[in-house]
Amino acid sequence: MEVEGLPSGKDFKLYPGGGREWDWREHGTRHEPGIQPADVQELLDRGCAAVVLSRGMELRLHTMPETLELLQEHGVEVYVEETTAAVDTYNRLVEKASVGGLFHSTC
């Protein structure tokens, strides 16, 4: 994936004012059970009002229910989509909201 201002990479964590490569090993993330609360905590800490979660190109990446509950508890709008749609949603939202995202570029 190509993200403006960042080196090319496979998976990304984006937040207001920047981003970085998303290293699944940080929290032991796997396709199942999927995106964990710890994966999105950094987005909450950076003040995201909306979060886009990419499921991969083949929708193999899941999201733990606890992750969605955490985001909802913080009043965050959540979008869970296939990667191409997630990128489009992120690019649309970033112009008008404090948005973050987790993007999985493969499966």
Protein backbone atom coordinates (compact mmCIF):
# COMPACT_ATOMS: atom_id res chain seq x y z
CA MET A 1 0.00 0.00 0.00
CA GLU A 2 1.04 3.58 -0.59
CA VAL A 3 0.20 6.19 2.04
CA GLU A 4 1.17 9.81 1.55
CA GLY A 5 4.09 10.70 3.82
CA LEU A 6 4.90 7.10 4.81
CA PRO A 7 7.09 4.40 3.29
CA SER A 8 5.26 1.70 1.28
CA GLY A 9 4.03 -1.20 3.33
CA LYS A 10 1.57 -4.03 3.74
CA ASP A 11 -0.64 -2.92 6.63
CA PHE A 12 -1.14 0.55 8.12
CA LYS A 13 -2.47 2.27 11.22
CA LEU A 14 -3.52 5.84 10.37
CA TYR A 15 -4.62 8.61 12.72
CA PRO A 16 -5.02 12.39 12.68
CA GLY A 17 -1.68 13.91 11.76
CA GLY A 18 0.09 10.73 10.71
CA GLY A 19 0.36 7.00 10.77
CA ARG A 20 2.69 4.04 10.81
CA GLU A 21 2.99 0.46 9.69
CA TRP A 22 0.54 -1.78 11.53
CA ASP A 23 2.56 -4.65 12.99
CA TRP A 24 0.15 -7.45 13.92
CA ARG A 25 2.79 -8.98 16.20
CA GLU A 26 2.44 -6.06 18.65
CA HIS A 27 -0.75 -7.52 20.10
CA GLY A 28 -0.78 -10.99 18.56
CA THR A 29 -3.43 -10.12 15.99
CA ARG A 30 -4.48 -12.87 13.58
CA HIS A 31 -7.22 -13.13 10.96
CA GLU A 32 -9.37 -14.84 13.59
CA PRO A 33 -10.45 -13.65 16.09
CA GLY A 34 -9.30 -10.49 14.31
CA ILE A 35 -8.76 -6.86 15.22
CA GLN A 36 -8.35 -6.57 18.99
CA PRO A 37 -9.18 -3.73 21.38
CA ALA A 38 -5.44 -3.10 21.83
CA ASP A 39 -5.13 -2.54 18.06
CA VAL A 40 -7.55 0.41 18.18
CA GLN A 41 -6.49 1.91 21.52
CA GLU A 42 -3.84 4.07 19.84
CA LEU A 43 -6.55 5.50 17.58
CA LEU A 44 -8.66 6.38 20.61
CA ASP A 45 -5.63 7.91 22.35
CA ARG A 46 -5.13 10.15 19.31
CA GLY A 47 -8.69 11.47 19.46
CA CYS A 48 -10.33 9.72 16.53
CA ALA A 49 -14.05 10.44 16.25
CA ALA A 50 -14.42 7.90 13.42
CA VAL A 51 -12.50 4.69 12.74
CA VAL A 52 -12.31 2.69 9.53
CA LEU A 53 -11.41 -0.99 9.90
CA SER A 54 -10.32 -2.80 6.76
CA ARG A 55 -11.11 -6.52 6.50
CA GLY A 56 -8.65 -7.24 3.69
CA MET A 57 -9.27 -7.77 0.00
CA GLU A 58 -10.92 -11.15 0.55
CA LEU A 59 -12.64 -10.21 3.84
CA ARG A 60 -10.59 -12.70 5.86
CA LEU A 61 -9.71 -10.32 8.70
CA HIS A 62 -12.36 -10.35 11.41
CA THR A 63 -13.00 -7.85 14.21
CA MET A 64 -13.48 -8.97 17.79
CA PRO A 65 -16.86 -7.93 19.29
CA GLU A 66 -14.93 -6.40 22.21
CA THR A 67 -13.19 -4.06 19.76
CA LEU A 68 -16.47 -2.77 18.41
CA GLU A 69 -17.82 -2.40 21.96
CA LEU A 70 -14.77 -0.34 22.99
CA LEU A 71 -15.18 2.00 20.04
CA GLN A 72 -18.91 2.36 20.68
CA GLU A 73 -18.28 3.10 24.37
CA HIS A 74 -16.11 6.02 23.27
CA GLY A 75 -18.80 7.30 20.88
CA VAL A 76 -16.69 6.57 17.80
CA GLU A 77 -18.33 6.04 14.40
CA VAL A 78 -17.11 2.68 13.07
CA TYR A 79 -16.87 1.48 9.47
CA VAL A 80 -15.86 -2.14 8.80
CA GLU A 81 -15.28 -2.76 5.10
CA GLU A 82 -13.30 -4.55 2.42
CA THR A 83 -9.97 -2.77 1.88
CA THR A 84 -10.81 -0.88 -1.33
CA ALA A 85 -14.08 0.39 0.14
CA ALA A 86 -12.33 1.18 3.44
CA VAL A 87 -9.75 3.35 1.66
CA ASP A 88 -12.53 5.22 -0.14
CA THR A 89 -14.42 5.74 3.12
CA TYR A 90 -11.28 6.93 4.94
CA ASN A 91 -10.40 9.39 2.17
CA ARG A 92 -13.94 10.77 2.20
CA LEU A 93 -14.09 11.12 5.99
CA VAL A 94 -10.60 12.53 6.54
CA GLU A 95 -11.66 15.79 4.89
CA LYS A 96 -14.31 16.48 7.54
CA ALA A 97 -13.61 14.42 10.65
CA SER A 98 -10.90 13.31 13.02
CA VAL A 99 -10.56 9.83 11.52
CA GLY A 100 -8.28 6.86 12.08
CA GLY A 101 -8.01 3.53 10.39
CA LEU A 102 -6.48 0.08 10.32
CA PHE A 103 -5.77 -1.14 6.82
CA HIS A 104 -4.97 -4.73 5.84
CA SER A 105 -3.84 -4.83 2.23
CA THR A 106 -3.91 -8.55 1.46
CA CYS A 107 -6.42 -11.35 2.03
